[in-house]
Amino acid sequence: MGSFRLAASAALAAIALVAATPDADAQAWPDKSVRVVVPFPAGGSADTLGRLLGQKLSERLGQPFVVDNRPGAGGNIGTDLVAKAPPDGYTFLMGVSSIAIAPSLYPNLSWDPVKDFAPVALVASTPNILVVHPSVPARSVQELVALAKTKPGQLNYASGGNGATNHLAGELFKRMTATEIVHIPYRGNPLAVIDVLNGQVTMMFDFMITSLPHVNAGKLRPLAVTGTKRSPQVPELPTVAEAGVPGYEASTWFAVMAPTGTPAATIAKLNAEVNAILQMADVRERLNTLGAEPMGGTPADVAALLRADLTKWTDVVRASGIKIE
């Protein structure tokens, strides 16, 4: 009888230990360095936000959150790396809304934004800003459209790469204005901006974060923002919709995502940390300076926004006839 009681007690203790394991794992995570993959070059918007978030997470959680830039193919190379990474809570993606564009753009895509990723938290959103080189004889969206129609195929616009959010922002603009403007893709926004600054490319739908310093320095001429409302950073600029293209909207959002299968307790803990960081006064001030609006919310919020954008941009890609092998 004593042996039976001893065995039963041992079994109950083992069950209790197993039941407590998820909480213990959540408390222990992270116990080593965490990699945050940014699928775009250093110096761009995703990189800037990734480093800001990584610094705060390192301070709060006591382990390094190291940004790993893996640019190329409109963000697909770095995104693929995270999709195939071990779901152990030590590799995350600083996702950009271009993740919702890629499936309709690349027929042979090696990852699925819904099946291969577990949403963690929305970080920020920013409208793009339509900028032109100062030599361009257009000081408004309407003047730009008129210029493009008198010179079909002679104007061009830069983007951070095929499938990037500002690529599709340009395609949406072309479709809604019935203009013929040539797309020039680059390996990331910073490289694209350089050629617009040099006057080698006419225009760009750039992230506020990367273009505002050049706008403020007088090196780029801003015409409009692409959000649904004016930006506090440049309140004098109209939205593209206000400026003569009704219904136009093309904002960019940034979110932390993990490989599918990442422990739920880890995702919940990281989500709580990101939300707490986004409430910090210095972080909100920094985001405001960069032209970004803090978001936050639940993993379900990330999933809902992703699905809505998948529908929107699939329609744009099909209407534009874009295909990338």
C-alpha atoms as a PDB file:
ATOM      1  CA  MET A   1       0.000   0.000   0.000  1.00  0.00           C
ATOM      2  CA  GLY A   2       2.852   2.324   0.877  1.00  0.00           C
ATOM      3  CA  SER A   3       4.500   1.576  -2.473  1.00  0.00           C
ATOM      4  CA  PHE A   4       1.235   2.367  -4.293  1.00  0.00           C
ATOM      5  CA  ARG A   5       0.910   5.718  -2.519  1.00  0.00           C
ATOM      6  CA  LEU A   6       4.537   6.532  -3.280  1.00  0.00           C
ATOM      7  CA  ALA A   7       4.067   5.739  -6.985  1.00  0.00           C
ATOM      8  CA  ALA A   8       0.834   7.748  -7.124  1.00  0.00           C
ATOM      9  CA  SER A   9       2.516  10.725  -5.491  1.00  0.00           C
ATOM     10  CA  ALA A  10       5.378  10.519  -7.976  1.00  0.00           C
ATOM     11  CA  ALA A  11       2.926  10.375 -10.891  1.00  0.00           C
ATOM     12  CA  LEU A  12       1.014  13.389  -9.627  1.00  0.00           C
ATOM     13  CA  ALA A  13       4.269  15.293  -9.191  1.00  0.00           C
ATOM     14  CA  ALA A  14       5.278  14.454 -12.764  1.00  0.00           C
ATOM     15  CA  ILE A  15       1.891  15.624 -14.081  1.00  0.00           C
ATOM     16  CA  ALA A  16       2.212  18.862 -12.134  1.00  0.00           C
ATOM     17  CA  LEU A  17       5.707  19.397 -13.527  1.00  0.00           C
ATOM     18  CA  VAL A  18       4.508  18.900 -17.122  1.00  0.00           C
ATOM     19  CA  ALA A  19       1.555  21.218 -16.566  1.00  0.00           C
ATOM     20  CA  ALA A  20       3.863  23.901 -15.223  1.00  0.00           C
ATOM     21  CA  THR A  21       6.379  23.618 -18.077  1.00  0.00           C
ATOM     22  CA  PRO A  22       4.781  26.165 -20.477  1.00  0.00           C
ATOM     23  CA  ASP A  23       4.757  28.831 -17.762  1.00  0.00           C
ATOM     24  CA  ALA A  24       8.304  27.964 -16.808  1.00  0.00           C
ATOM     25  CA  ASP A  25       9.376  28.210 -20.450  1.00  0.00           C
ATOM     26  CA  ALA A  26       7.671  31.579 -20.810  1.00  0.00           C
ATOM     27  CA  GLN A  27       9.427  32.862 -17.701  1.00  0.00           C
ATOM     28  CA  ALA A  28      12.800  31.539 -18.882  1.00  0.00           C
ATOM     29  CA  TRP A  29      12.545  32.974 -22.404  1.00  0.00           C
ATOM     30  CA  PRO A  30      14.781  34.471 -23.593  1.00  0.00           C
ATOM     31  CA  ASP A  31      17.851  32.853 -22.082  1.00  0.00           C
ATOM     32  CA  LYS A  32      20.152  33.656 -25.019  1.00  0.00           C
ATOM     33  CA  SER A  33      20.509  36.065 -27.918  1.00  0.00           C
ATOM     34  CA  VAL A  34      17.449  36.576 -30.156  1.00  0.00           C
ATOM     35  CA  ARG A  35      17.734  37.254 -33.883  1.00  0.00           C
ATOM     36  CA  VAL A  36      15.443  39.807 -35.523  1.00  0.00           C
ATOM     37  CA  VAL A  37      15.634  39.387 -39.291  1.00  0.00           C
ATOM     38  CA  VAL A  38      15.037  42.550 -41.302  1.00  0.00           C
ATOM     39  CA  PRO A  39      14.504  41.543 -44.956  1.00  0.00           C
ATOM     40  CA  PHE A  40      15.753  44.904 -46.243  1.00  0.00           C
ATOM     41  CA  PRO A  41      19.099  46.774 -46.168  1.00  0.00           C
ATOM     42  CA  ALA A  42      20.450  48.737 -43.227  1.00  0.00           C
ATOM     43  CA  GLY A  43      19.259  52.329 -43.094  1.00  0.00           C
ATOM     44  CA  GLY A  44      15.734  51.692 -44.344  1.00  0.00           C
ATOM     45  CA  SER A  45      12.457  51.986 -42.469  1.00  0.00           C
ATOM     46  CA  ALA A  46      12.179  48.342 -41.380  1.00  0.00           C
ATOM     47  CA  ASP A  47      15.796  48.424 -40.222  1.00  0.00           C
ATOM     48  CA  THR A  48      15.300  51.634 -38.235  1.00  0.00           C
ATOM     49  CA  LEU A  49      12.203  50.292 -36.495  1.00  0.00           C
ATOM     50  CA  GLY A  50      13.800  46.882 -35.947  1.00  0.00           C
ATOM     51  CA  ARG A  51      16.806  48.424 -34.227  1.00  0.00           C
ATOM     52  CA  LEU A  52      14.660  50.707 -32.083  1.00  0.00           C
ATOM     53  CA  LEU A  53      12.520  47.785 -30.972  1.00  0.00           C
ATOM     54  CA  GLY A  54      15.525  45.499 -30.533  1.00  0.00           C
ATOM     55  CA  GLN A  55      17.270  47.987 -28.255  1.00  0.00           C
ATOM     56  CA  LYS A  56      14.243  48.311 -25.986  1.00  0.00           C
ATOM     57  CA  LEU A  57      13.620  44.555 -25.888  1.00  0.00           C
ATOM     58  CA  SER A  58      17.259  43.973 -24.969  1.00  0.00           C
ATOM     59  CA  GLU A  59      16.962  46.445 -22.104  1.00  0.00           C
ATOM     60  CA  ARG A  60      13.699  44.981 -20.813  1.00  0.00           C
ATOM     61  CA  LEU A  61      14.408  41.267 -21.229  1.00  0.00           C
ATOM     62  CA  GLY A  62      18.122  41.158 -20.458  1.00  0.00           C
ATOM     63  CA  GLN A  63      19.249  39.380 -23.628  1.00  0.00           C
ATOM     64  CA  PRO A  64      20.550  40.842 -26.939  1.00  0.00           C
ATOM     65  CA  PHE A  65      17.974  41.247 -29.696  1.00  0.00           C
ATOM     66  CA  VAL A  66      20.268  41.380 -32.714  1.00  0.00           C
ATOM     67  CA  VAL A  67      19.119  42.776 -36.066  1.00  0.00           C
ATOM     68  CA  ASP A  68      20.175  40.617 -39.011  1.00  0.00           C
ATOM     69  CA  ASN A  69      19.730  42.383 -42.377  1.00  0.00           C
ATOM     70  CA  ARG A  70      18.933  39.911 -45.178  1.00  0.00           C
ATOM     71  CA  PRO A  71      17.884  42.050 -48.181  1.00  0.00           C
ATOM     72  CA  GLY A  72      16.939  40.966 -51.679  1.00  0.00           C
ATOM     73  CA  ALA A  73      14.015  40.030 -53.924  1.00  0.00           C
ATOM     74  CA  GLY A  74      11.667  42.630 -52.456  1.00  0.00           C
ATOM     75  CA  GLY A  75      12.112  41.207 -48.970  1.00  0.00           C
ATOM     76  CA  ASN A  76      11.549  37.584 -49.960  1.00  0.00           C
ATOM     77  CA  ILE A  77      15.042  36.315 -49.085  1.00  0.00           C
ATOM     78  CA  GLY A  78      14.939  37.365 -45.448  1.00  0.00           C
ATOM     79  CA  THR A  79      11.292  36.375 -45.129  1.00  0.00           C
ATOM     80  CA  ASP A  80      12.052  32.883 -46.459  1.00  0.00           C
ATOM     81  CA  LEU A  81      14.875  32.539 -43.947  1.00  0.00           C
ATOM     82  CA  VAL A  82      12.491  33.150 -41.041  1.00  0.00           C
ATOM     83  CA  ALA A  83       9.788  30.894 -42.509  1.00  0.00           C
ATOM     84  CA  LYS A  84      12.287  28.022 -42.459  1.00  0.00           C
ATOM     85  CA  ALA A  85      13.913  28.887 -39.112  1.00  0.00           C
ATOM     86  CA  PRO A  86      13.404  26.652 -36.064  1.00  0.00           C
ATOM     87  CA  PRO A  87      10.237  27.798 -34.232  1.00  0.00           C
ATOM     88  CA  ASP A  88      12.065  27.993 -30.923  1.00  0.00           C
ATOM     89  CA  GLY A  89      11.442  31.658 -30.082  1.00  0.00           C
ATOM     90  CA  TYR A  90      14.894  32.843 -31.079  1.00  0.00           C
ATOM     91  CA  THR A  91      14.264  34.018 -34.641  1.00  0.00           C
ATOM     92  CA  PHE A  92      11.683  36.653 -35.550  1.00  0.00           C
ATOM     93  CA  LEU A  93      10.855  38.704 -38.623  1.00  0.00           C
ATOM     94  CA  MET A  94      10.429  42.461 -38.765  1.00  0.00           C
ATOM     95  CA  GLY A  95       7.684  42.042 -41.324  1.00  0.00           C
ATOM     96  CA  VAL A  96       6.566  44.729 -43.727  1.00  0.00           C
ATOM     97  CA  SER A  97       3.206  44.851 -45.488  1.00  0.00           C
ATOM     98  CA  SER A  98       4.939  43.745 -48.693  1.00  0.00           C
ATOM     99  CA  ILE A  99       4.499  40.254 -47.225  1.00  0.00           C
ATOM    100  CA  ALA A 100       0.867  40.575 -48.345  1.00  0.00           C
ATOM    101  CA  ILE A 101       1.919  41.486 -51.893  1.00  0.00           C
ATOM    102  CA  ALA A 102       4.448  38.761 -52.605  1.00  0.00           C
ATOM    103  CA  PRO A 103       2.044  35.783 -52.956  1.00  0.00           C
ATOM    104  CA  SER A 104       0.265  37.308 -55.941  1.00  0.00           C
ATOM    105  CA  LEU A 105       3.477  38.673 -57.439  1.00  0.00           C
ATOM    106  CA  TYR A 106       5.683  35.565 -57.260  1.00  0.00           C
ATOM    107  CA  PRO A 107       4.004  32.396 -58.579  1.00  0.00           C
ATOM    108  CA  ASN A 108       6.778  30.160 -57.198  1.00  0.00           C
ATOM    109  CA  LEU A 109       7.040  31.711 -53.752  1.00  0.00           C
ATOM    110  CA  SER A 110       8.646  29.335 -51.243  1.00  0.00           C
ATOM    111  CA  TRP A 111       6.646  30.556 -48.242  1.00  0.00           C
ATOM    112  CA  ASP A 112       3.055  31.400 -47.363  1.00  0.00           C
ATOM    113  CA  PRO A 113       2.373  34.516 -45.248  1.00  0.00           C
ATOM    114  CA  VAL A 114      -0.547  32.882 -43.452  1.00  0.00           C
ATOM    115  CA  LYS A 115       0.572  29.252 -43.103  1.00  0.00           C
ATOM    116  CA  ASP A 116       4.269  29.780 -42.398  1.00  0.00           C
ATOM    117  CA  PHE A 117       4.095  32.651 -39.905  1.00  0.00           C
ATOM    118  CA  ALA A 118       2.641  33.241 -36.475  1.00  0.00           C
ATOM    119  CA  PRO A 119       1.674  36.904 -35.970  1.00  0.00           C
ATOM    120  CA  VAL A 120       3.126  38.547 -32.864  1.00  0.00           C
ATOM    121  CA  ALA A 121       2.416  42.298 -32.809  1.00  0.00           C
ATOM    122  CA  LEU A 122       1.869  45.322 -35.016  1.00  0.00           C
ATOM    123  CA  VAL A 123       4.613  47.886 -34.487  1.00  0.00           C
ATOM    124  CA  ALA A 124       3.847  50.953 -36.590  1.00  0.00           C
ATOM    125  CA  SER A 125       2.342  52.215 -39.812  1.00  0.00           C
ATOM    126  CA  THR A 126       3.401  55.004 -42.088  1.00  0.00           C
ATOM    127  CA  PRO A 127       2.025  56.510 -45.251  1.00  0.00           C
ATOM    128  CA  ASN A 128       4.396  56.713 -48.152  1.00  0.00           C
ATOM    129  CA  ILE A 129       5.276  60.162 -49.412  1.00  0.00           C
ATOM    130  CA  LEU A 130       5.272  60.917 -53.120  1.00  0.00           C
ATOM    131  CA  VAL A 131       8.507  62.776 -53.889  1.00  0.00           C
ATOM    132  CA  VAL A 132      10.086  64.000 -57.117  1.00  0.00           C
ATOM    133  CA  HIS A 133      13.519  65.331 -57.963  1.00  0.00           C
ATOM    134  CA  PRO A 134      13.518  69.174 -57.812  1.00  0.00           C
ATOM    135  CA  SER A 135      14.248  69.341 -61.542  1.00  0.00           C
ATOM    136  CA  VAL A 136      10.871  67.771 -62.362  1.00  0.00           C
ATOM    137  CA  PRO A 137       8.477  70.483 -63.645  1.00  0.00           C
ATOM    138  CA  ALA A 138       5.566  69.353 -61.472  1.00  0.00           C
ATOM    139  CA  ARG A 139       4.581  70.926 -58.168  1.00  0.00           C
ATOM    140  CA  SER A 140       1.375  69.007 -57.540  1.00  0.00           C
ATOM    141  CA  VAL A 141      -0.079  65.568 -58.162  1.00  0.00           C
ATOM    142  CA  GLN A 142      -2.302  66.942 -60.913  1.00  0.00           C
ATOM    143  CA  GLU A 143       0.693  68.530 -62.641  1.00  0.00           C
ATOM    144  CA  LEU A 144       2.605  65.258 -62.344  1.00  0.00           C
ATOM    145  CA  VAL A 145      -0.261  63.315 -63.893  1.00  0.00           C
ATOM    146  CA  ALA A 146      -0.508  65.857 -66.723  1.00  0.00           C
ATOM    147  CA  LEU A 147       3.251  65.606 -67.315  1.00  0.00           C
ATOM    148  CA  ALA A 148       3.124  61.809 -67.382  1.00  0.00           C
ATOM    149  CA  LYS A 149       0.307  61.856 -69.924  1.00  0.00           C
ATOM    150  CA  THR A 150       2.236  64.163 -72.250  1.00  0.00           C
ATOM    151  CA  LYS A 151       5.335  61.938 -71.911  1.00  0.00           C
ATOM    152  CA  PRO A 152       4.087  58.341 -71.767  1.00  0.00           C
ATOM    153  CA  GLY A 153       6.870  55.950 -70.802  1.00  0.00           C
ATOM    154  CA  GLN A 154       9.395  58.749 -70.290  1.00  0.00           C
ATOM    155  CA  LEU A 155       8.910  59.239 -66.555  1.00  0.00           C
ATOM    156  CA  ASN A 156       9.994  56.571 -64.094  1.00  0.00           C
ATOM    157  CA  TYR A 157       9.647  55.748 -60.423  1.00  0.00           C
ATOM    158  CA  ALA A 158      11.990  53.940 -58.043  1.00  0.00           C
ATOM    159  CA  SER A 159      11.028  51.324 -55.466  1.00  0.00           C
ATOM    160  CA  GLY A 160      12.718  49.153 -52.875  1.00  0.00           C
ATOM    161  CA  GLY A 161      12.338  46.148 -55.168  1.00  0.00           C
ATOM    162  CA  ASN A 162       9.818  44.072 -57.068  1.00  0.00           C
ATOM    163  CA  GLY A 163       6.982  43.351 -54.700  1.00  0.00           C
ATOM    164  CA  ALA A 164       7.870  46.123 -52.254  1.00  0.00           C
ATOM    165  CA  THR A 165       4.987  48.167 -50.909  1.00  0.00           C
ATOM    166  CA  ASN A 166       6.128  51.263 -52.776  1.00  0.00           C
ATOM    167  CA  HIS A 167       6.275  49.249 -56.009  1.00  0.00           C
ATOM    168  CA  LEU A 168       2.580  48.476 -55.703  1.00  0.00           C
ATOM    169  CA  ALA A 169       1.864  52.030 -54.537  1.00  0.00           C
ATOM    170  CA  GLY A 170       3.251  53.132 -57.891  1.00  0.00           C
ATOM    171  CA  GLU A 171       1.258  50.540 -59.816  1.00  0.00           C
ATOM    172  CA  LEU A 172      -1.929  51.575 -58.025  1.00  0.00           C
ATOM    173  CA  PHE A 173      -1.184  55.211 -58.908  1.00  0.00           C
ATOM    174  CA  LYS A 174      -0.623  54.344 -62.566  1.00  0.00           C
ATOM    175  CA  ARG A 175      -3.834  52.349 -62.751  1.00  0.00           C
ATOM    176  CA  MET A 176      -5.951  55.032 -61.074  1.00  0.00           C
ATOM    177  CA  THR A 177      -4.488  57.888 -63.156  1.00  0.00           C
ATOM    178  CA  ALA A 178      -4.258  56.019 -66.480  1.00  0.00           C
ATOM    179  CA  THR A 179      -0.588  56.967 -66.853  1.00  0.00           C
ATOM    180  CA  GLU A 180       2.408  55.073 -68.215  1.00  0.00           C
ATOM    181  CA  ILE A 181       5.328  55.433 -65.789  1.00  0.00           C
ATOM    182  CA  VAL A 182       8.256  52.997 -65.842  1.00  0.00           C
ATOM    183  CA  HIS A 183       9.111  51.058 -62.684  1.00  0.00           C
ATOM    184  CA  ILE A 184      12.812  50.924 -61.643  1.00  0.00           C
ATOM    185  CA  PRO A 185      13.387  48.371 -58.827  1.00  0.00           C
ATOM    186  CA  TYR A 186      16.330  48.513 -56.410  1.00  0.00           C
ATOM    187  CA  ARG A 187      17.692  46.295 -53.659  1.00  0.00           C
ATOM    188  CA  GLY A 188      16.064  48.294 -50.894  1.00  0.00           C
ATOM    189  CA  ASN A 189      14.782  51.827 -50.367  1.00  0.00           C
ATOM    190  CA  PRO A 190      18.089  53.497 -49.438  1.00  0.00           C
ATOM    191  CA  LEU A 191      19.581  52.643 -52.840  1.00  0.00           C
ATOM    192  CA  ALA A 192      16.435  53.787 -54.621  1.00  0.00           C
ATOM    193  CA  VAL A 193      16.437  57.140 -52.842  1.00  0.00           C
ATOM    194  CA  ILE A 194      20.025  57.787 -53.921  1.00  0.00           C
ATOM    195  CA  ASP A 195      19.108  57.710 -57.600  1.00  0.00           C
ATOM    196  CA  VAL A 196      16.093  59.945 -57.063  1.00  0.00           C
ATOM    197  CA  LEU A 197      18.354  62.382 -55.215  1.00  0.00           C
ATOM    198  CA  ASN A 198      20.790  62.256 -58.135  1.00  0.00           C
ATOM    199  CA  GLY A 199      18.010  62.934 -60.627  1.00  0.00           C
ATOM    200  CA  GLN A 200      18.493  59.614 -62.405  1.00  0.00           C
ATOM    201  CA  VAL A 201      14.935  58.634 -61.486  1.00  0.00           C
ATOM    202  CA  THR A 202      11.939  60.956 -61.683  1.00  0.00           C
ATOM    203  CA  MET A 203       9.953  60.061 -58.588  1.00  0.00           C
ATOM    204  CA  MET A 204       9.308  57.639 -55.764  1.00  0.00           C
ATOM    205  CA  PHE A 205       6.596  56.589 -53.323  1.00  0.00           C
ATOM    206  CA  ASP A 206       9.013  56.417 -50.417  1.00  0.00           C
ATOM    207  CA  PHE A 207       8.670  55.678 -46.726  1.00  0.00           C
ATOM    208  CA  MET A 208       8.357  58.845 -44.658  1.00  0.00           C
ATOM    209  CA  ILE A 209      11.240  57.633 -42.491  1.00  0.00           C
ATOM    210  CA  THR A 210      13.769  57.674 -45.326  1.00  0.00           C
ATOM    211  CA  SER A 211      12.532  60.643 -47.374  1.00  0.00           C
ATOM    212  CA  LEU A 212      11.639  63.253 -44.761  1.00  0.00           C
ATOM    213  CA  PRO A 213      15.270  64.236 -44.029  1.00  0.00           C
ATOM    214  CA  HIS A 214      15.828  64.865 -47.752  1.00  0.00           C
ATOM    215  CA  VAL A 215      12.549  66.763 -48.027  1.00  0.00           C
ATOM    216  CA  ASN A 216      13.511  68.957 -45.080  1.00  0.00           C
ATOM    217  CA  ALA A 217      16.911  69.587 -46.677  1.00  0.00           C
ATOM    218  CA  GLY A 218      15.275  70.688 -49.935  1.00  0.00           C
ATOM    219  CA  LYS A 219      16.791  67.813 -51.903  1.00  0.00           C
ATOM    220  CA  LEU A 220      13.442  66.231 -52.775  1.00  0.00           C
ATOM    221  CA  ARG A 221      10.127  67.900 -53.582  1.00  0.00           C
ATOM    222  CA  PRO A 222       7.118  66.353 -51.794  1.00  0.00           C
ATOM    223  CA  LEU A 223       3.791  66.311 -53.598  1.00  0.00           C
ATOM    224  CA  ALA A 224       1.474  64.257 -51.357  1.00  0.00           C
ATOM    225  CA  VAL A 225       1.154  61.500 -48.776  1.00  0.00           C
ATOM    226  CA  THR A 226      -0.483  58.181 -49.548  1.00  0.00           C
ATOM    227  CA  GLY A 227      -2.521  57.629 -46.379  1.00  0.00           C
ATOM    228  CA  THR A 228      -6.195  58.240 -45.742  1.00  0.00           C
ATOM    229  CA  LYS A 229      -5.406  61.421 -43.825  1.00  0.00           C
ATOM    230  CA  ARG A 230      -2.691  64.061 -43.740  1.00  0.00           C
ATOM    231  CA  SER A 231       0.482  63.348 -41.809  1.00  0.00           C
ATOM    232  CA  PRO A 232       1.308  65.398 -38.693  1.00  0.00           C
ATOM    233  CA  GLN A 233       4.911  65.525 -39.912  1.00  0.00           C
ATOM    234  CA  VAL A 234       3.965  67.352 -43.132  1.00  0.00           C
ATOM    235  CA  PRO A 235       0.453  68.704 -42.488  1.00  0.00           C
ATOM    236  CA  GLU A 236       0.712  71.088 -45.425  1.00  0.00           C
ATOM    237  CA  LEU A 237       0.842  68.152 -47.849  1.00  0.00           C
ATOM    238  CA  PRO A 238      -2.463  66.797 -49.155  1.00  0.00           C
ATOM    239  CA  THR A 239      -3.178  63.106 -49.486  1.00  0.00           C
ATOM    240  CA  VAL A 240      -3.000  61.719 -53.015  1.00  0.00           C
ATOM    241  CA  ALA A 241      -6.767  61.318 -52.830  1.00  0.00           C
ATOM    242  CA  GLU A 242      -7.208  64.994 -51.896  1.00  0.00           C
ATOM    243  CA  ALA A 243      -4.820  66.034 -54.649  1.00  0.00           C
ATOM    244  CA  GLY A 244      -6.906  64.616 -57.455  1.00  0.00           C
ATOM    245  CA  VAL A 245      -6.913  60.794 -57.263  1.00  0.00           C
ATOM    246  CA  PRO A 246     -10.055  59.962 -55.239  1.00  0.00           C
ATOM    247  CA  GLY A 247      -9.925  56.686 -53.336  1.00  0.00           C
ATOM    248  CA  TYR A 248      -6.163  56.284 -53.504  1.00  0.00           C
ATOM    249  CA  GLU A 249      -4.508  54.853 -50.349  1.00  0.00           C
ATOM    250  CA  ALA A 250      -1.263  52.932 -49.895  1.00  0.00           C
ATOM    251  CA  SER A 251       0.142  52.850 -46.375  1.00  0.00           C
ATOM    252  CA  THR A 252       2.898  50.599 -45.071  1.00  0.00           C
ATOM    253  CA  TRP A 253       2.726  48.681 -41.830  1.00  0.00           C
ATOM    254  CA  PHE A 254       5.406  46.897 -39.854  1.00  0.00           C
ATOM    255  CA  ALA A 255       4.857  43.873 -37.614  1.00  0.00           C
ATOM    256  CA  VAL A 256       6.828  41.312 -35.648  1.00  0.00           C
ATOM    257  CA  MET A 257       6.188  37.781 -36.898  1.00  0.00           C
ATOM    258  CA  ALA A 258       7.521  34.356 -35.936  1.00  0.00           C
ATOM    259  CA  PRO A 259       7.860  30.980 -37.650  1.00  0.00           C
ATOM    260  CA  THR A 260       4.699  28.911 -37.293  1.00  0.00           C
ATOM    261  CA  GLY A 261       5.020  26.617 -34.310  1.00  0.00           C
ATOM    262  CA  THR A 262       6.744  29.156 -32.077  1.00  0.00           C
ATOM    263  CA  PRO A 263       5.520  28.526 -28.498  1.00  0.00           C
ATOM    264  CA  ALA A 264       2.312  30.415 -27.737  1.00  0.00           C
ATOM    265  CA  ALA A 265       3.682  31.509 -24.361  1.00  0.00           C
ATOM    266  CA  THR A 266       6.692  33.107 -26.063  1.00  0.00           C
ATOM    267  CA  ILE A 267       4.482  34.919 -28.567  1.00  0.00           C
ATOM    268  CA  ALA A 268       2.230  36.175 -25.773  1.00  0.00           C
ATOM    269  CA  LYS A 269       5.207  37.432 -23.763  1.00  0.00           C
ATOM    270  CA  LEU A 270       6.781  39.192 -26.756  1.00  0.00           C
ATOM    271  CA  ASN A 271       3.429  40.708 -27.722  1.00  0.00           C
ATOM    272  CA  ALA A 272       3.052  42.162 -24.222  1.00  0.00           C
ATOM    273  CA  GLU A 273       6.586  43.571 -24.346  1.00  0.00           C
ATOM    274  CA  VAL A 274       6.092  45.196 -27.755  1.00  0.00           C
ATOM    275  CA  ASN A 275       2.833  46.774 -26.618  1.00  0.00           C
ATOM    276  CA  ALA A 276       4.506  48.104 -23.480  1.00  0.00           C
ATOM    277  CA  ILE A 277       7.412  49.526 -25.489  1.00  0.00           C
ATOM    278  CA  LEU A 278       5.030  51.297 -27.870  1.00  0.00           C
ATOM    279  CA  GLN A 279       3.546  53.149 -24.891  1.00  0.00           C
ATOM    280  CA  MET A 280       6.933  54.565 -23.829  1.00  0.00           C
ATOM    281  CA  ALA A 281       7.152  58.335 -24.292  1.00  0.00           C
ATOM    282  CA  ASP A 282      10.603  58.299 -25.891  1.00  0.00           C
ATOM    283  CA  VAL A 283       9.583  55.585 -28.338  1.00  0.00           C
ATOM    284  CA  ARG A 284       6.430  57.430 -29.375  1.00  0.00           C
ATOM    285  CA  GLU A 285       8.453  60.614 -29.810  1.00  0.00           C
ATOM    286  CA  ARG A 286      10.989  58.767 -31.953  1.00  0.00           C
ATOM    287  CA  LEU A 287       8.257  57.219 -34.110  1.00  0.00           C
ATOM    288  CA  ASN A 288       6.648  60.621 -34.557  1.00  0.00           C
ATOM    289  CA  THR A 289       9.977  62.039 -35.712  1.00  0.00           C
ATOM    290  CA  LEU A 290      10.224  59.221 -38.241  1.00  0.00           C
ATOM    291  CA  GLY A 291       6.729  59.855 -39.555  1.00  0.00           C
ATOM    292  CA  ALA A 292       5.411  56.577 -38.158  1.00  0.00           C
ATOM    293  CA  GLU A 293       2.326  55.971 -36.040  1.00  0.00           C
ATOM    294  CA  PRO A 294       2.575  53.374 -33.236  1.00  0.00           C
ATOM    295  CA  MET A 295       0.084  50.538 -33.560  1.00  0.00           C
ATOM    296  CA  GLY A 296       0.257  47.616 -31.123  1.00  0.00           C
ATOM    297  CA  GLY A 297      -2.621  45.245 -30.433  1.00  0.00           C
ATOM    298  CA  THR A 298      -3.034  41.478 -30.446  1.00  0.00           C
ATOM    299  CA  PRO A 299      -1.655  38.795 -32.766  1.00  0.00           C
ATOM    300  CA  ALA A 300      -5.203  38.544 -34.146  1.00  0.00           C
ATOM    301  CA  ASP A 301      -4.967  42.188 -35.237  1.00  0.00           C
ATOM    302  CA  VAL A 302      -1.881  41.349 -37.292  1.00  0.00           C
ATOM    303  CA  ALA A 303      -3.671  38.413 -38.896  1.00  0.00           C
ATOM    304  CA  ALA A 304      -6.736  40.499 -39.794  1.00  0.00           C
ATOM    305  CA  LEU A 305      -4.679  43.265 -41.407  1.00  0.00           C
ATOM    306  CA  LEU A 306      -2.601  40.723 -43.317  1.00  0.00           C
ATOM    307  CA  ARG A 307      -5.677  39.043 -44.771  1.00  0.00           C
ATOM    308  CA  ALA A 308      -7.272  42.377 -45.770  1.00  0.00           C
ATOM    309  CA  ASP A 309      -4.100  43.473 -47.577  1.00  0.00           C
ATOM    310  CA  LEU A 310      -3.753  40.113 -49.307  1.00  0.00           C
ATOM    311  CA  THR A 311      -7.128  40.739 -50.931  1.00  0.00           C
ATOM    312  CA  LYS A 312      -6.397  44.376 -51.814  1.00  0.00           C
ATOM    313  CA  TRP A 313      -2.979  43.897 -53.372  1.00  0.00           C
ATOM    314  CA  THR A 314      -3.905  40.690 -55.178  1.00  0.00           C
ATOM    315  CA  ASP A 315      -6.482  42.759 -57.070  1.00  0.00           C
ATOM    316  CA  VAL A 316      -3.865  45.413 -57.927  1.00  0.00           C
ATOM    317  CA  VAL A 317      -1.314  42.853 -59.134  1.00  0.00           C
ATOM    318  CA  ARG A 318      -3.861  41.068 -61.316  1.00  0.00           C
ATOM    319  CA  ALA A 319      -5.132  44.315 -62.822  1.00  0.00           C
ATOM    320  CA  SER A 320      -1.556  45.452 -63.514  1.00  0.00           C
ATOM    321  CA  GLY A 321      -0.549  42.144 -65.078  1.00  0.00           C
ATOM    322  CA  ILE A 322       2.660  41.935 -63.047  1.00  0.00           C
ATOM    323  CA  LYS A 323       4.440  38.579 -63.010  1.00  0.00           C
ATOM    324  CA  ILE A 324       7.829  37.722 -61.591  1.00  0.00           C
ATOM    325  CA  GLU A 325       9.319  34.285 -62.122  1.00  0.00           C
END
